C-alpha atoms as a PDB file:
ATOM      1  CA  MET A   1      -5.258 -19.791   3.612  1.00  0.00           C
ATOM      2  CA  LYS A   2      -7.750 -17.351   2.111  1.00  0.00           C
ATOM      3  CA  ILE A   3     -10.476 -17.820  -0.483  1.00  0.00           C
ATOM      4  CA  SER A   4      -9.439 -16.940  -4.036  1.00  0.00           C
ATOM      5  CA  GLU A   5     -11.155 -14.432  -6.304  1.00  0.00           C
ATOM      6  CA  ASN A   6     -12.524 -17.423  -8.248  1.00  0.00           C
ATOM      7  CA  GLY A   7     -13.934 -18.812  -5.014  1.00  0.00           C
ATOM      8  CA  LEU A   8     -15.645 -15.506  -4.244  1.00  0.00           C
ATOM      9  CA  ALA A   9     -17.082 -15.403  -7.765  1.00  0.00           C
ATOM     10  CA  PHE A  10     -18.376 -18.951  -7.254  1.00  0.00           C
ATOM     11  CA  ILE A  11     -20.164 -17.920  -4.048  1.00  0.00           C
ATOM     12  CA  LYS A  12     -21.645 -14.852  -5.752  1.00  0.00           C
ATOM     13  CA  LYS A  13     -23.014 -17.021  -8.532  1.00  0.00           C
ATOM     14  CA  CYS A  14     -24.472 -19.520  -6.044  1.00  0.00           C
ATOM     15  CA  GLU A  15     -26.010 -16.870  -3.812  1.00  0.00           C
ATOM     16  CA  SER A  16     -27.029 -14.429  -6.560  1.00  0.00           C
ATOM     17  CA  PHE A  17     -27.387 -10.713  -5.881  1.00  0.00           C
ATOM     18  CA  HIS A  18     -30.369  -9.441  -3.935  1.00  0.00           C
ATOM     19  CA  LYS A  19     -30.616  -5.667  -4.016  1.00  0.00           C
ATOM     20  CA  VAL A  20     -33.496  -5.515  -1.516  1.00  0.00           C
ATOM     21  CA  SER A  21     -33.524  -7.233   1.879  1.00  0.00           C
ATOM     22  CA  TYR A  22     -35.703 -10.321   2.272  1.00  0.00           C
ATOM     23  CA  LYS A  23     -36.527 -13.258   4.545  1.00  0.00           C
ATOM     24  CA  LYS A  24     -36.228 -16.766   3.173  1.00  0.00           C
ATOM     25  CA  THR A  25     -38.886 -17.972   5.595  1.00  0.00           C
ATOM     26  CA  ARG A  26     -41.073 -16.350   8.214  1.00  0.00           C
ATOM     27  CA  ARG A  27     -39.109 -18.161  10.897  1.00  0.00           C
ATOM     28  CA  GLU A  28     -35.869 -16.372  10.024  1.00  0.00           C
ATOM     29  CA  LYS A  29     -34.733 -14.112  12.827  1.00  0.00           C
ATOM     30  CA  TYR A  30     -32.999 -11.617  10.517  1.00  0.00           C
ATOM     31  CA  LEU A  31     -33.168 -10.501   6.912  1.00  0.00           C
ATOM     32  CA  THR A  32     -30.730 -11.282   4.102  1.00  0.00           C
ATOM     33  CA  ILE A  33     -29.334  -8.944   1.439  1.00  0.00           C
ATOM     34  CA  GLY A  34     -26.652  -8.825  -1.218  1.00  0.00           C
ATOM     35  CA  TYR A  35     -24.799 -12.112  -1.686  1.00  0.00           C
ATOM     36  CA  GLY A  36     -26.153 -13.867   1.391  1.00  0.00           C
ATOM     37  CA  HIS A  37     -25.338 -11.262   4.050  1.00  0.00           C
ATOM     38  CA  TYR A  38     -27.568 -12.062   7.026  1.00  0.00           C
ATOM     39  CA  GLY A  39     -27.878 -10.296  10.350  1.00  0.00           C
ATOM     40  CA  LYS A  40     -29.405  -7.729  12.628  1.00  0.00           C
ATOM     41  CA  ASP A  41     -27.778  -4.943  10.610  1.00  0.00           C
ATOM     42  CA  VAL A  42     -30.050  -5.764   7.652  1.00  0.00           C
ATOM     43  CA  LYS A  43     -33.230  -3.739   7.905  1.00  0.00           C
ATOM     44  CA  GLU A  44     -36.606  -4.223   6.236  1.00  0.00           C
ATOM     45  CA  LYS A  45     -36.813  -2.734   2.709  1.00  0.00           C
ATOM     46  CA  MET A  46     -33.071  -2.028   2.797  1.00  0.00           C
ATOM     47  CA  ILE A  47     -31.485  -1.506  -0.629  1.00  0.00           C
ATOM     48  CA  ILE A  48     -27.792  -1.886  -1.479  1.00  0.00           C
ATOM     49  CA  THR A  49     -25.523  -1.717  -4.513  1.00  0.00           C
ATOM     50  CA  LYS A  50     -23.481  -4.587  -5.921  1.00  0.00           C
ATOM     51  CA  ASP A  51     -20.334  -2.858  -4.641  1.00  0.00           C
ATOM     52  CA  LYS A  52     -21.743  -2.773  -1.103  1.00  0.00           C
ATOM     53  CA  ALA A  53     -22.847  -6.415  -1.426  1.00  0.00           C
ATOM     54  CA  ASP A  54     -19.324  -7.348  -2.530  1.00  0.00           C
ATOM     55  CA  SER A  55     -17.893  -5.508   0.462  1.00  0.00           C
ATOM     56  CA  LEU A  56     -20.255  -7.308   2.854  1.00  0.00           C
ATOM     57  CA  LEU A  57     -19.388 -10.683   1.330  1.00  0.00           C
ATOM     58  CA  ARG A  58     -15.669 -10.041   1.712  1.00  0.00           C
ATOM     59  CA  MET A  59     -16.242  -9.011   5.321  1.00  0.00           C
ATOM     60  CA  ASP A  60     -18.462 -12.037   6.081  1.00  0.00           C
ATOM     61  CA  ILE A  61     -16.221 -14.591   4.392  1.00  0.00           C
ATOM     62  CA  HIS A  62     -13.398 -14.293   6.960  1.00  0.00           C
ATOM     63  CA  LYS A  63     -15.456 -16.155   9.549  1.00  0.00           C
ATOM     64  CA  TYR A  64     -15.990 -19.070   7.155  1.00  0.00           C
ATOM     65  CA  GLU A  65     -12.379 -19.142   6.005  1.00  0.00           C
ATOM     66  CA  GLY A  66     -11.443 -19.683   9.642  1.00  0.00           C
ATOM     67  CA  ARG A  67     -13.926 -22.502  10.045  1.00  0.00           C
ATOM     68  CA  VAL A  68     -12.354 -24.332   7.103  1.00  0.00           C
ATOM     69  CA  ALA A  69      -8.755 -23.361   7.918  1.00  0.00           C
ATOM     70  CA  LYS A  70      -8.955 -25.072  11.310  1.00  0.00           C
ATOM     71  CA  TYR A  71      -8.831 -28.388   9.376  1.00  0.00           C
ATOM     72  CA  GLN A  72      -6.056 -27.318   6.985  1.00  0.00           C
ATOM     73  CA  HIS A  73      -3.282 -28.998   9.011  1.00  0.00           C
ATOM     74  CA  GLN A  74      -5.175 -32.277   8.929  1.00  0.00           C
ATOM     75  CA  TYR A  75      -6.379 -32.380   5.322  1.00  0.00           C
ATOM     76  CA  ASN A  76      -3.870 -30.114   3.536  1.00  0.00           C
ATOM     77  CA  PHE A  77      -6.491 -28.624   1.193  1.00  0.00           C
ATOM     78  CA  THR A  78      -5.494 -27.250  -2.173  1.00  0.00           C
ATOM     79  CA  GLN A  79      -6.700 -23.734  -3.025  1.00  0.00           C
ATOM     80  CA  ILE A  80      -9.610 -25.040  -5.081  1.00  0.00           C
ATOM     81  CA  GLN A  81     -10.632 -27.483  -2.330  1.00  0.00           C
ATOM     82  CA  PHE A  82     -10.451 -24.672   0.205  1.00  0.00           C
ATOM     83  CA  ASP A  83     -12.614 -22.468  -2.051  1.00  0.00           C
ATOM     84  CA  ALA A  84     -15.231 -25.220  -2.411  1.00  0.00           C
ATOM     85  CA  LEU A  85     -15.371 -25.798   1.330  1.00  0.00           C
ATOM     86  CA  VAL A  86     -15.605 -22.098   2.166  1.00  0.00           C
ATOM     87  CA  ALA A  87     -18.534 -21.858  -0.276  1.00  0.00           C
ATOM     88  CA  PHE A  88     -20.151 -24.856   1.431  1.00  0.00           C
ATOM     89  CA  CYS A  89     -19.455 -23.417   4.880  1.00  0.00           C
ATOM     90  CA  PHE A  90     -20.824 -19.994   3.894  1.00  0.00           C
ATOM     91  CA  ASN A  91     -24.116 -21.656   3.027  1.00  0.00           C
ATOM     92  CA  VAL A  92     -24.295 -24.296   5.774  1.00  0.00           C
ATOM     93  CA  GLY A  93     -22.501 -22.480   8.599  1.00  0.00           C
ATOM     94  CA  ASP A  94     -19.548 -24.791   9.246  1.00  0.00           C
ATOM     95  CA  ILE A  95     -17.868 -27.967   8.028  1.00  0.00           C
ATOM     96  CA  ASP A  96     -17.753 -29.712  11.398  1.00  0.00           C
ATOM     97  CA  ARG A  97     -20.684 -32.021  10.625  1.00  0.00           C
ATOM     98  CA  LEU A  98     -19.378 -32.624   7.109  1.00  0.00           C
ATOM     99  CA  THR A  99     -15.966 -33.750   8.366  1.00  0.00           C
ATOM    100  CA  ASN A 100     -17.382 -35.227  11.588  1.00  0.00           C
ATOM    101  CA  ASN A 101     -15.009 -32.898  13.435  1.00  0.00           C
ATOM    102  CA  GLY A 102     -12.087 -34.176  11.396  1.00  0.00           C
ATOM    103  CA  LYS A 103     -12.839 -37.877  11.834  1.00  0.00           C
ATOM    104  CA  ARG A 104     -13.876 -38.519   8.219  1.00  0.00           C
ATOM    105  CA  SER A 105     -11.470 -38.952   5.341  1.00  0.00           C
ATOM    106  CA  ILE A 106     -11.671 -36.517   2.443  1.00  0.00           C
ATOM    107  CA  GLU A 107     -13.253 -39.244   0.311  1.00  0.00           C
ATOM    108  CA  GLU A 108     -15.893 -39.886   2.970  1.00  0.00           C
ATOM    109  CA  PHE A 109     -16.892 -36.275   3.489  1.00  0.00           C
ATOM    110  CA  VAL A 110     -16.864 -35.374  -0.194  1.00  0.00           C
ATOM    111  CA  ASN A 111     -19.254 -38.241  -0.884  1.00  0.00           C
ATOM    112  CA  ILE A 112     -21.780 -36.974   1.666  1.00  0.00           C
ATOM    113  CA  MET A 113     -21.650 -33.294   0.594  1.00  0.00           C
ATOM    114  CA  PRO A 114     -24.800 -33.673  -1.538  1.00  0.00           C
ATOM    115  CA  LEU A 115     -26.752 -34.803   1.529  1.00  0.00           C
ATOM    116  CA  PHE A 116     -26.629 -31.261   2.953  1.00  0.00           C
ATOM    117  CA  CYS A 117     -29.583 -30.146   0.856  1.00  0.00           C
ATOM    118  CA  PHE A 118     -32.280 -29.513   3.442  1.00  0.00           C
ATOM    119  CA  TYR A 119     -33.712 -26.120   4.282  1.00  0.00           C
ATOM    120  CA  ASP A 120     -36.542 -25.583   6.699  1.00  0.00           C
ATOM    121  CA  GLY A 121     -36.827 -29.364   7.064  1.00  0.00           C
ATOM    122  CA  LYS A 122     -37.329 -30.050   3.354  1.00  0.00           C
ATOM    123  CA  ILE A 123     -35.063 -31.116   0.511  1.00  0.00           C
ATOM    124  CA  GLN A 124     -34.386 -28.142  -1.747  1.00  0.00           C
ATOM    125  CA  LYS A 125     -33.611 -28.792  -5.413  1.00  0.00           C
ATOM    126  CA  ASP A 126     -31.459 -25.669  -5.642  1.00  0.00           C
ATOM    127  CA  LEU A 127     -29.368 -26.908  -2.703  1.00  0.00           C
ATOM    128  CA  ILE A 128     -28.913 -30.295  -4.370  1.00  0.00           C
ATOM    129  CA  LYS A 129     -27.544 -28.475  -7.431  1.00  0.00           C
ATOM    130  CA  ARG A 130     -25.315 -26.282  -5.271  1.00  0.00           C
ATOM    131  CA  ARG A 131     -23.885 -29.239  -3.338  1.00  0.00           C
ATOM    132  CA  ILE A 132     -23.092 -31.011  -6.616  1.00  0.00           C
ATOM    133  CA  LYS A 133     -21.322 -27.887  -7.901  1.00  0.00           C
ATOM    134  CA  GLU A 134     -19.347 -27.614  -4.660  1.00  0.00           C
ATOM    135  CA  LYS A 135     -18.410 -31.288  -4.816  1.00  0.00           C
ATOM    136  CA  ASN A 136     -17.396 -31.002  -8.470  1.00  0.00           C
ATOM    137  CA  LEU A 137     -15.351 -27.920  -7.661  1.00  0.00           C
ATOM    138  CA  PHE A 138     -13.662 -29.725  -4.787  1.00  0.00           C
ATOM    139  CA  LEU A 139     -12.859 -32.661  -7.059  1.00  0.00           C
ATOM    140  CA  ARG A 140     -12.318 -30.455 -10.128  1.00  0.00           C
ATOM    141  CA  GLN A 141     -14.662 -32.719 -12.065  1.00  0.00           C
ATOM    142  CA  ASN A 142     -17.041 -31.413 -14.705  1.00  0.00           C
ATOM    143  CA  PHE A 143     -16.415 -27.945 -13.368  1.00  0.00           C
ATOM    144  CA  GLU A 144     -15.777 -24.688 -15.148  1.00  0.00           C
ATOM    145  CA  TRP A 145     -15.432 -21.444 -13.182  1.00  0.00           C
ATOM    146  CA  GLY A 146     -18.087 -19.958 -15.444  1.00  0.00           C
ATOM    147  CA  ASP A 147     -20.678 -22.606 -14.484  1.00  0.00           C
END
C-alpha cells in the first residue's frame, strides 16, 4: 500500500513548508528543510523551492510507508488509516512503539496516539494538535481533508 495524494497533502499541511534550512533545537545533528526533510544532505542556509520540497517528501515517504506496511497483514488498514499512520510515522519515526510491535489492538493504539506529543523532553502543544488530527483522520471523525 502507498500513501494517497490526500495523505501527502495532510503531511504537507502538518509539516508546513520551510524554504530555508533550519534546526529545531541545537542538539539536532542535521538540518531540516522543505516539508520535514532531514539529513546530512541539508546544508546551512540552503534554500529550496516548493517543487523540490515536494520531490524530497515523495522520496522520503517510501521509508515510512514500509514501516506502516509491515503491519498491514495484521491490521488490514484502510487507505485513510494507512495515510494517518504514515503521517504519524513520518513525524515520530516508526509505529512500533504505538502498536507495541503489533501486540496492541487498533482501538488500544489509536487511543494512545495523542500521548506521542513530546519533543526534546517536553510536551509540545503543536504535537498534541497534530496527534489529534492524525487520530481523527484514522477514525474519520471530525476530519475534513482541508483541515
